[in-house]
Structure formats: structure tokens, C-alpha cells
PDB file of N, CA and C in Angstrom:
ATOM      1  N   MET A   1      20.298  66.074  28.685  1.00  0.00           N
ATOM      2  CA  MET A   1      21.373  65.193  28.307  1.00  0.00           C
ATOM      3  C   MET A   1      21.217  63.861  29.047  1.00  0.00           C
ATOM      4  N   VAL A   2      21.424  62.775  28.338  1.00  0.00           N
ATOM      5  CA  VAL A   2      21.384  61.450  28.940  1.00  0.00           C
ATOM      6  C   VAL A   2      22.814  61.025  29.258  1.00  0.00           C
ATOM      7  N   VAL A   3      23.039  60.690  30.523  1.00  0.00           N
ATOM      8  CA  VAL A   3      24.349  60.213  30.966  1.00  0.00           C
ATOM      9  C   VAL A   3      24.199  58.753  31.362  1.00  0.00           C
ATOM     10  N   TRP A   4      25.074  57.917  30.831  1.00  0.00           N
ATOM     11  CA  TRP A   4      25.083  56.501  31.181  1.00  0.00           C
ATOM     12  C   TRP A   4      26.160  56.292  32.234  1.00  0.00           C
ATOM     13  N   SER A   5      25.760  55.803  33.403  1.00  0.00           N
ATOM     14  CA  SER A   5      26.731  55.517  34.462  1.00  0.00           C
ATOM     15  C   SER A   5      27.664  54.402  33.985  1.00  0.00           C
ATOM     16  N   VAL A   6      28.794  54.268  34.647  1.00  0.00           N
ATOM     17  CA  VAL A   6      29.744  53.200  34.293  1.00  0.00           C
ATOM     18  C   VAL A   6      29.076  51.825  34.422  1.00  0.00           C
ATOM     19  N   PRO A   7      28.353  51.551  35.520  1.00  0.00           N
ATOM     20  CA  PRO A   7      27.681  50.243  35.592  1.00  0.00           C
ATOM     21  C   PRO A   7      26.673  50.032  34.454  1.00  0.00           C
ATOM     22  N   ALA A   8      25.964  51.080  34.053  1.00  0.00           N
ATOM     23  CA  ALA A   8      24.981  50.951  32.969  1.00  0.00           C
ATOM     24  C   ALA A   8      25.682  50.655  31.637  1.00  0.00           C
ATOM     25  N   ARG A   9      26.810  51.299  31.390  1.00  0.00           N
ATOM     26  CA  ARG A   9      27.568  51.014  30.162  1.00  0.00           C
ATOM     27  C   ARG A   9      28.079  49.582  30.176  1.00  0.00           C
ATOM     28  N   ASP A  10      28.534  49.137  31.349  1.00  0.00           N
ATOM     29  CA  ASP A  10      28.971  47.742  31.471  1.00  0.00           C
ATOM     30  C   ASP A  10      27.806  46.788  31.214  1.00  0.00           C
ATOM     31  N   ASP A  11      26.624  47.154  31.710  1.00  0.00           N
ATOM     32  CA  ASP A  11      25.428  46.337  31.475  1.00  0.00           C
ATOM     33  C   ASP A  11      25.147  46.207  29.983  1.00  0.00           C
ATOM     34  N   LEU A  12      25.230  47.326  29.245  1.00  0.00           N
ATOM     35  CA  LEU A  12      24.981  47.292  27.802  1.00  0.00           C
ATOM     36  C   LEU A  12      25.942  46.338  27.110  1.00  0.00           C
ATOM     37  N   LYS A  13      27.203  46.416  27.476  1.00  0.00           N
ATOM     38  CA  LYS A  13      28.196  45.541  26.845  1.00  0.00           C
ATOM     39  C   LYS A  13      27.900  44.080  27.160  1.00  0.00           C
ATOM     40  N   ARG A  14      27.587  43.802  28.420  1.00  0.00           N
ATOM     41  CA  ARG A  14      27.298  42.429  28.832  1.00  0.00           C
ATOM     42  C   ARG A  14      26.058  41.886  28.102  1.00  0.00           C
ATOM     43  N   ILE A  15      25.029  42.714  27.993  1.00  0.00           N
ATOM     44  CA  ILE A  15      23.808  42.312  27.288  1.00  0.00           C
ATOM     45  C   ILE A  15      24.117  42.044  25.821  1.00  0.00           C
ATOM     46  N   HIS A  16      24.846  42.961  25.196  1.00  0.00           N
ATOM     47  CA  HIS A  16      25.207  42.792  23.785  1.00  0.00           C
ATOM     48  C   HIS A  16      25.981  41.500  23.584  1.00  0.00           C
ATOM     49  N   ASP A  17      27.004  41.283  24.393  1.00  0.00           N
ATOM     50  CA  ASP A  17      27.851  40.102  24.231  1.00  0.00           C
ATOM     51  C   ASP A  17      27.060  38.810  24.421  1.00  0.00           C
ATOM     52  N   TYR A  18      26.138  38.807  25.373  1.00  0.00           N
ATOM     53  CA  TYR A  18      25.337  37.609  25.618  1.00  0.00           C
ATOM     54  C   TYR A  18      24.418  37.300  24.433  1.00  0.00           C
ATOM     55  N   ILE A  19      23.699  38.305  23.960  1.00  0.00           N
ATOM     56  CA  ILE A  19      22.782  38.089  22.836  1.00  0.00           C
ATOM     57  C   ILE A  19      23.553  37.762  21.561  1.00  0.00           C
ATOM     58  N   ALA A  20      24.712  38.383  21.392  1.00  0.00           N
ATOM     59  CA  ALA A  20      25.526  38.168  20.189  1.00  0.00           C
ATOM     60  C   ALA A  20      26.019  36.737  20.064  1.00  0.00           C
ATOM     61  N   LEU A  21      26.020  35.987  21.152  1.00  0.00           N
ATOM     62  CA  LEU A  21      26.394  34.577  21.058  1.00  0.00           C
ATOM     63  C   LEU A  21      25.449  33.843  20.107  1.00  0.00           C
ATOM     64  N   ASP A  22      24.200  34.284  20.051  1.00  0.00           N
ATOM     65  CA  ASP A  22      23.212  33.693  19.152  1.00  0.00           C
ATOM     66  C   ASP A  22      23.007  34.520  17.900  1.00  0.00           C
ATOM     67  N   SER A  23      23.010  35.851  18.045  1.00  0.00           N
ATOM     68  CA  SER A  23      22.713  36.708  16.899  1.00  0.00           C
ATOM     69  C   SER A  23      23.284  38.109  17.097  1.00  0.00           C
ATOM     70  N   LYS A  24      24.255  38.462  16.284  1.00  0.00           N
ATOM     71  CA  LYS A  24      24.809  39.818  16.352  1.00  0.00           C
ATOM     72  C   LYS A  24      23.763  40.838  15.922  1.00  0.00           C
ATOM     73  N   TYR A  25      22.893  40.450  14.989  1.00  0.00           N
ATOM     74  CA  TYR A  25      21.835  41.339  14.515  1.00  0.00           C
ATOM     75  C   TYR A  25      20.898  41.722  15.659  1.00  0.00           C
ATOM     76  N   TYR A  26      20.399  40.729  16.402  1.00  0.00           N
ATOM     77  CA  TYR A  26      19.466  41.014  17.489  1.00  0.00           C
ATOM     78  C   TYR A  26      20.166  41.683  18.675  1.00  0.00           C
ATOM     79  N   ALA A  27      21.429  41.392  18.875  1.00  0.00           N
ATOM     80  CA  ALA A  27      22.186  42.069  19.926  1.00  0.00           C
ATOM     81  C   ALA A  27      22.199  43.572  19.645  1.00  0.00           C
ATOM     82  N   ARG A  28      22.457  43.934  18.393  1.00  0.00           N
ATOM     83  CA  ARG A  28      22.488  45.356  18.018  1.00  0.00           C
ATOM     84  C   ARG A  28      21.098  45.987  18.154  1.00  0.00           C
ATOM     85  N   ARG A  29      20.060  45.244  17.765  1.00  0.00           N
ATOM     86  CA  ARG A  29      18.691  45.776  17.865  1.00  0.00           C
ATOM     87  C   ARG A  29      18.296  46.067  19.307  1.00  0.00           C
ATOM     88  N   VAL A  30      18.635  45.171  20.211  1.00  0.00           N
ATOM     89  CA  VAL A  30      18.282  45.361  21.618  1.00  0.00           C
ATOM     90  C   VAL A  30      19.030  46.567  22.187  1.00  0.00           C
ATOM     91  N   ILE A  31      20.316  46.661  21.911  1.00  0.00           N
ATOM     92  CA  ILE A  31      21.106  47.785  22.412  1.00  0.00           C
ATOM     93  C   ILE A  31      20.587  49.100  21.833  1.00  0.00           C
ATOM     94  N   ASP A  32      20.290  49.112  20.535  1.00  0.00           N
ATOM     95  CA  ASP A  32      19.741  50.323  19.915  1.00  0.00           C
ATOM     96  C   ASP A  32      18.422  50.725  20.555  1.00  0.00           C
ATOM     97  N   ALA A  33      17.565  49.752  20.850  1.00  0.00           N
ATOM     98  CA  ALA A  33      16.269  50.047  21.479  1.00  0.00           C
ATOM     99  C   ALA A  33      16.465  50.646  22.871  1.00  0.00           C
ATOM    100  N   LEU A  34      17.415  50.118  23.629  1.00  0.00           N
ATOM    101  CA  LEU A  34      17.690  50.659  24.957  1.00  0.00           C
ATOM    102  C   LEU A  34      18.177  52.108  24.877  1.00  0.00           C
ATOM    103  N   ILE A  35      19.071  52.366  23.943  1.00  0.00           N
ATOM    104  CA  ILE A  35      19.618  53.717  23.791  1.00  0.00           C
ATOM    105  C   ILE A  35      18.540  54.683  23.298  1.00  0.00           C
ATOM    106  N   GLU A  36      17.742  54.265  22.334  1.00  0.00           N
ATOM    107  CA  GLU A  36      16.675  55.127  21.814  1.00  0.00           C
ATOM    108  C   GLU A  36      15.656  55.472  22.890  1.00  0.00           C
ATOM    109  N   LYS A  37      15.298  54.488  23.695  1.00  0.00           N
ATOM    110  CA  LYS A  37      14.325  54.734  24.760  1.00  0.00           C
ATOM    111  C   LYS A  37      14.904  55.700  25.793  1.00  0.00           C
ATOM    112  N   ALA A  38      16.174  55.563  26.102  1.00  0.00           N
ATOM    113  CA  ALA A  38      16.813  56.480  27.046  1.00  0.00           C
ATOM    114  C   ALA A  38      16.800  57.909  26.503  1.00  0.00           C
ATOM    115  N   GLU A  39      17.042  58.075  25.221  1.00  0.00           N
ATOM    116  CA  GLU A  39      17.028  59.410  24.614  1.00  0.00           C
ATOM    117  C   GLU A  39      15.629  60.025  24.658  1.00  0.00           C
ATOM    118  N   LEU A  40      14.604  59.193  24.527  1.00  0.00           N
ATOM    119  CA  LEU A  40      13.222  59.670  24.583  1.00  0.00           C
ATOM    120  C   LEU A  40      12.879  60.245  25.960  1.00  0.00           C
ATOM    121  N   LEU A  41      13.591  59.787  26.973  1.00  0.00           N
ATOM    122  CA  LEU A  41      13.353  60.280  28.330  1.00  0.00           C
ATOM    123  C   LEU A  41      13.648  61.768  28.483  1.00  0.00           C
ATOM    124  N   LEU A  42      14.459  62.323  27.601  1.00  0.00           N
ATOM    125  CA  LEU A  42      14.731  63.757  27.663  1.00  0.00           C
ATOM    126  C   LEU A  42      13.450  64.560  27.488  1.00  0.00           C
ATOM    127  N   GLU A  43      12.561  64.070  26.645  1.00  0.00           N
ATOM    128  CA  GLU A  43      11.281  64.747  26.427  1.00  0.00           C
ATOM    129  C   GLU A  43      10.221  64.332  27.439  1.00  0.00           C
ATOM    130  N   PHE A  44      10.289  63.089  27.890  1.00  0.00           N
ATOM    131  CA  PHE A  44       9.261  62.541  28.779  1.00  0.00           C
ATOM    132  C   PHE A  44       9.918  61.847  29.976  1.00  0.00           C
ATOM    133  N   PRO A  45      10.524  62.604  30.895  1.00  0.00           N
ATOM    134  CA  PRO A  45      11.284  61.982  31.990  1.00  0.00           C
ATOM    135  C   PRO A  45      10.443  61.148  32.959  1.00  0.00           C
ATOM    136  N   GLU A  46       9.154  61.403  33.032  1.00  0.00           N
ATOM    137  CA  GLU A  46       8.308  60.623  33.936  1.00  0.00           C
ATOM    138  C   GLU A  46       7.586  59.490  33.214  1.00  0.00           C
ATOM    139  N   MET A  47       8.062  59.157  32.031  1.00  0.00           N
ATOM    140  CA  MET A  47       7.443  58.112  31.223  1.00  0.00           C
ATOM    141  C   MET A  47       7.481  56.756  31.935  1.00  0.00           C
ATOM    142  N   GLY A  48       8.558  56.486  32.622  1.00  0.00           N
ATOM    143  CA  GLY A  48       8.688  55.196  33.303  1.00  0.00           C
ATOM    144  C   GLY A  48       7.918  55.167  34.608  1.00  0.00           C
ATOM    145  N   ARG A  49       7.813  53.969  35.157  1.00  0.00           N
ATOM    146  CA  ARG A  49       7.138  53.829  36.447  1.00  0.00           C
ATOM    147  C   ARG A  49       8.174  53.887  37.563  1.00  0.00           C
ATOM    148  N   LYS A  50       7.718  54.186  38.757  1.00  0.00           N
ATOM    149  CA  LYS A  50       8.600  54.175  39.920  1.00  0.00           C
ATOM    150  C   LYS A  50       9.104  52.756  40.134  1.00  0.00           C
ATOM    151  N   VAL A  51      10.341  52.631  40.522  1.00  0.00           N
ATOM    152  CA  VAL A  51      10.926  51.311  40.794  1.00  0.00           C
ATOM    153  C   VAL A  51      10.404  50.844  42.147  1.00  0.00           C
ATOM    154  N   PRO A  52       9.621  49.770  42.173  1.00  0.00           N
ATOM    155  CA  PRO A  52       8.995  49.342  43.427  1.00  0.00           C
ATOM    156  C   PRO A  52       9.994  49.029  44.537  1.00  0.00           C
ATOM    157  N   GLU A  53      11.157  48.495  44.177  1.00  0.00           N
ATOM    158  CA  GLU A  53      12.146  48.117  45.181  1.00  0.00           C
ATOM    159  C   GLU A  53      12.813  49.327  45.832  1.00  0.00           C
ATOM    160  N   ILE A  54      12.691  50.499  45.209  1.00  0.00           N
ATOM    161  CA  ILE A  54      13.385  51.687  45.712  1.00  0.00           C
ATOM    162  C   ILE A  54      12.422  52.672  46.354  1.00  0.00           C
ATOM    163  N   GLY A  55      11.320  52.983  45.681  1.00  0.00           N
ATOM    164  CA  GLY A  55      10.325  53.882  46.253  1.00  0.00           C
ATOM    165  C   GLY A  55      10.648  55.362  46.134  1.00  0.00           C
ATOM    166  N   ASP A  56      11.657  55.716  45.369  1.00  0.00           N
ATOM    167  CA  ASP A  56      12.019  57.119  45.145  1.00  0.00           C
ATOM    168  C   ASP A  56      11.357  57.562  43.843  1.00  0.00           C
ATOM    169  N   ALA A  57      10.553  58.625  43.896  1.00  0.00           N
ATOM    170  CA  ALA A  57       9.802  59.077  42.715  1.00  0.00           C
ATOM    171  C   ALA A  57      10.702  59.534  41.577  1.00  0.00           C
ATOM    172  N   LYS A  58      11.942  59.858  41.859  1.00  0.00           N
ATOM    173  CA  LYS A  58      12.870  60.317  40.817  1.00  0.00           C
ATOM    174  C   LYS A  58      13.626  59.168  40.156  1.00  0.00           C
ATOM    175  N   ILE A  59      13.539  57.972  40.740  1.00  0.00           N
ATOM    176  CA  ILE A  59      14.182  56.791  40.150  1.00  0.00           C
ATOM    177  C   ILE A  59      13.087  55.942  39.536  1.00  0.00           C
ATOM    178  N   ARG A  60      13.184  55.768  38.218  1.00  0.00           N
ATOM    179  CA  ARG A  60      12.124  55.110  37.465  1.00  0.00           C
ATOM    180  C   ARG A  60      12.693  54.032  36.562  1.00  0.00           C
ATOM    181  N   GLU A  61      11.793  53.260  35.978  1.00  0.00           N
ATOM    182  CA  GLU A  61      12.215  52.195  35.078  1.00  0.00           C
ATOM    183  C   GLU A  61      11.294  52.105  33.877  1.00  0.00           C
ATOM    184  N   ILE A  62      11.881  51.625  32.800  1.00  0.00           N
ATOM    185  CA  ILE A  62      11.123  51.371  31.581  1.00  0.00           C
ATOM    186  C   ILE A  62      11.451  49.955  31.144  1.00  0.00           C
ATOM    187  N   PRO A  63      10.429  49.131  30.903  1.00  0.00           N
ATOM    188  CA  PRO A  63      10.708  47.790  30.378  1.00  0.00           C
ATOM    189  C   PRO A  63      10.984  47.856  28.874  1.00  0.00           C
ATOM    190  N   ILE A  64      12.025  47.175  28.456  1.00  0.00           N
ATOM    191  CA  ILE A  64      12.381  47.092  27.039  1.00  0.00           C
ATOM    192  C   ILE A  64      12.810  45.655  26.784  1.00  0.00           C
ATOM    193  N   TYR A  65      12.055  44.982  25.927  1.00  0.00           N
ATOM    194  CA  TYR A  65      12.263  43.546  25.719  1.00  0.00           C
ATOM    195  C   TYR A  65      12.224  42.872  27.089  1.00  0.00           C
ATOM    196  N   SER A  66      13.277  42.152  27.459  1.00  0.00           N
ATOM    197  CA  SER A  66      13.306  41.451  28.750  1.00  0.00           C
ATOM    198  C   SER A  66      14.087  42.216  29.804  1.00  0.00           C
ATOM    199  N   TYR A  67      14.299  43.495  29.584  1.00  0.00           N
ATOM    200  CA  TYR A  67      15.162  44.278  30.459  1.00  0.00           C
ATOM    201  C   TYR A  67      14.423  45.437  31.122  1.00  0.00           C
ATOM    202  N   ARG A  68      14.991  45.891  32.225  1.00  0.00           N
ATOM    203  CA  ARG A  68      14.496  47.058  32.940  1.00  0.00           C
ATOM    204  C   ARG A  68      15.583  48.129  32.863  1.00  0.00           C
ATOM    205  N   LEU A  69      15.304  49.211  32.164  1.00  0.00           N
ATOM    206  CA  LEU A  69      16.225  50.341  32.102  1.00  0.00           C
ATOM    207  C   LEU A  69      15.878  51.230  33.292  1.00  0.00           C
ATOM    208  N   ILE A  70      16.793  51.334  34.245  1.00  0.00           N
ATOM    209  CA  ILE A  70      16.533  52.072  35.476  1.00  0.00           C
ATOM    210  C   ILE A  70      17.312  53.380  35.430  1.00  0.00           C
ATOM    211  N   TYR A  71      16.587  54.470  35.646  1.00  0.00           N
ATOM    212  CA  TYR A  71      17.186  55.793  35.491  1.00  0.00           C
ATOM    213  C   TYR A  71      16.724  56.734  36.593  1.00  0.00           C
ATOM    214  N   LYS A  72      17.474  57.817  36.728  1.00  0.00           N
ATOM    215  CA  LYS A  72      17.130  58.873  37.657  1.00  0.00           C
ATOM    216  C   LYS A  72      17.023  60.163  36.856  1.00  0.00           C
ATOM    217  N   TYR A  73      16.002  60.953  37.144  1.00  0.00           N
ATOM    218  CA  TYR A  73      15.888  62.215  36.421  1.00  0.00           C
ATOM    219  C   TYR A  73      15.894  63.387  37.385  1.00  0.00           C
ATOM    220  N   SER A  74      16.393  64.498  36.874  1.00  0.00           N
ATOM    221  CA  SER A  74      16.435  65.743  37.633  1.00  0.00           C
ATOM    222  C   SER A  74      16.390  66.889  36.635  1.00  0.00           C
ATOM    223  N   THR A  75      16.480  68.091  37.132  1.00  0.00           N
ATOM    224  CA  THR A  75      16.481  69.251  36.235  1.00  0.00           C
ATOM    225  C   THR A  75      17.737  69.279  35.377  1.00  0.00           C
ATOM    226  N   HIS A  76      18.762  68.530  35.767  1.00  0.00           N
ATOM    227  CA  HIS A  76      20.021  68.494  35.019  1.00  0.00           C
ATOM    228  C   HIS A  76      19.998  67.488  33.874  1.00  0.00           C
ATOM    229  N   GLY A  77      19.042  66.575  33.875  1.00  0.00           N
ATOM    230  CA  GLY A  77      18.962  65.590  32.806  1.00  0.00           C
ATOM    231  C   GLY A  77      18.620  64.207  33.320  1.00  0.00           C
ATOM    232  N   ILE A  78      18.992  63.226  32.523  1.00  0.00           N
ATOM    233  CA  ILE A  78      18.691  61.820  32.803  1.00  0.00           C
ATOM    234  C   ILE A  78      19.995  61.084  33.048  1.00  0.00           C
ATOM    235  N   GLU A  79      20.026  60.272  34.108  1.00  0.00           N
ATOM    236  CA  GLU A  79      21.166  59.392  34.328  1.00  0.00           C
ATOM    237  C   GLU A  79      20.658  57.958  34.329  1.00  0.00           C
ATOM    238  N   VAL A  80      21.152  57.169  33.398  1.00  0.00           N
ATOM    239  CA  VAL A  80      20.815  55.752  33.381  1.00  0.00           C
ATOM    240  C   VAL A  80      21.700  55.085  34.418  1.00  0.00           C
ATOM    241  N   LEU A  81      21.073  54.458  35.405  1.00  0.00           N
ATOM    242  CA  LEU A  81      21.809  53.870  36.521  1.00  0.00           C
ATOM    243  C   LEU A  81      22.245  52.441  36.237  1.00  0.00           C
ATOM    244  N   THR A  82      21.330  51.663  35.651  1.00  0.00           N
ATOM    245  CA  THR A  82      21.624  50.265  35.366  1.00  0.00           C
ATOM    246  C   THR A  82      20.599  49.715  34.389  1.00  0.00           C
ATOM    247  N   VAL A  83      20.922  48.587  33.805  1.00  0.00           N
ATOM    248  CA  VAL A  83      19.983  47.838  32.966  1.00  0.00           C
ATOM    249  C   VAL A  83      20.049  46.403  33.459  1.00  0.00           C
ATOM    250  N   VAL A  84      18.912  45.894  33.940  1.00  0.00           N
ATOM    251  CA  VAL A  84      18.880  44.543  34.491  1.00  0.00           C
ATOM    252  C   VAL A  84      17.838  43.707  33.756  1.00  0.00           C
ATOM    253  N   HIS A  85      18.087  42.408  33.728  1.00  0.00           N
ATOM    254  CA  HIS A  85      17.105  41.494  33.144  1.00  0.00           C
ATOM    255  C   HIS A  85      15.896  41.462  34.065  1.00  0.00           C
ATOM    256  N   SER A  86      14.715  41.379  33.492  1.00  0.00           N
ATOM    257  CA  SER A  86      13.492  41.446  34.298  1.00  0.00           C
ATOM    258  C   SER A  86      13.365  40.284  35.270  1.00  0.00           C
ATOM    259  N   LYS A  87      14.049  39.162  35.040  1.00  0.00           N
ATOM    260  CA  LYS A  87      13.995  38.028  35.960  1.00  0.00           C
ATOM    261  C   LYS A  87      15.099  38.073  37.001  1.00  0.00           C
ATOM    262  N   GLN A  88      16.004  39.040  36.852  1.00  0.00           N
ATOM    263  CA  GLN A  88      17.108  39.176  37.797  1.00  0.00           C
ATOM    264  C   GLN A  88      16.595  39.794  39.089  1.00  0.00           C
ATOM    265  N   ILE A  89      17.078  39.302  40.213  1.00  0.00           N
ATOM    266  CA  ILE A  89      16.719  39.888  41.496  1.00  0.00           C
ATOM    267  C   ILE A  89      17.422  41.226  41.602  1.00  0.00           C
ATOM    268  N   PHE A  90      16.627  42.235  41.882  1.00  0.00           N
ATOM    269  CA  PHE A  90      17.146  43.604  41.926  1.00  0.00           C
ATOM    270  C   PHE A  90      17.037  44.108  43.352  1.00  0.00           C
ATOM    271  N   ALA A  91      18.169  44.316  44.013  1.00  0.00           N
ATOM    272  CA  ALA A  91      18.143  44.729  45.415  1.00  0.00           C
ATOM    273  C   ALA A  91      18.245  46.236  45.575  1.00  0.00           C
ATOM    274  N   ASP A  92      19.180  46.857  44.877  1.00  0.00           N
ATOM    275  CA  ASP A  92      19.409  48.293  45.065  1.00  0.00           C
ATOM    276  C   ASP A  92      20.322  48.785  43.960  1.00  0.00           C
ATOM    277  N   VAL A  93      20.160  50.071  43.622  1.00  0.00           N
ATOM    278  CA  VAL A  93      21.012  50.691  42.596  1.00  0.00           C
ATOM    279  C   VAL A  93      22.185  51.349  43.277  1.00  0.00           C
TER     280      VAL A  93
END
């Protein structure tokens, strides 16, 4: 099961609203791509790379468009921790 943390859900809304200022169509496409990629993690939880800023093998990231989908996996499932723009300074989850 994929669980989206509250901050990650807020990130999705913020990303959608920002892109929708120019195009509601592309805003929906980006959000759909993020959600689809997160669902794929159920089958391939180690698909992403380790987050260099964290160094924990269970916390990984997948680049999607200009964003980094950061998640944690365990035997219980996938938790999406946050979604950040790739140019955003990322200190800690």
C-alpha cells in the first residue's frame, strides 16, 4: 500500500496549483505521473536511488519531470514523504 504523508499531499496540491496557472492539462499530467510512479513502487520498492542528503538505504527518490519523489519503504509498504523540485535545496525529510 502506498501512503502519502500530509506534507507529500500538500506538495502535490502546491505543484498542481503552480502548474495550473499556465496549464490545467499539464498540471493534471504531472500529478498523475507522480501518483503512477508511486504506485509502481509497490512492485519495485528499490527502483529509486538513495537520497544523497540522507544516506538511509530505505529512503529513496525517483526523478519525475522536474521533481524528486522521496519515499521510504518497508515490509509494510511505501510512504511518500515529500515531493520537491529538483532545484530546491533539500535539507531533511
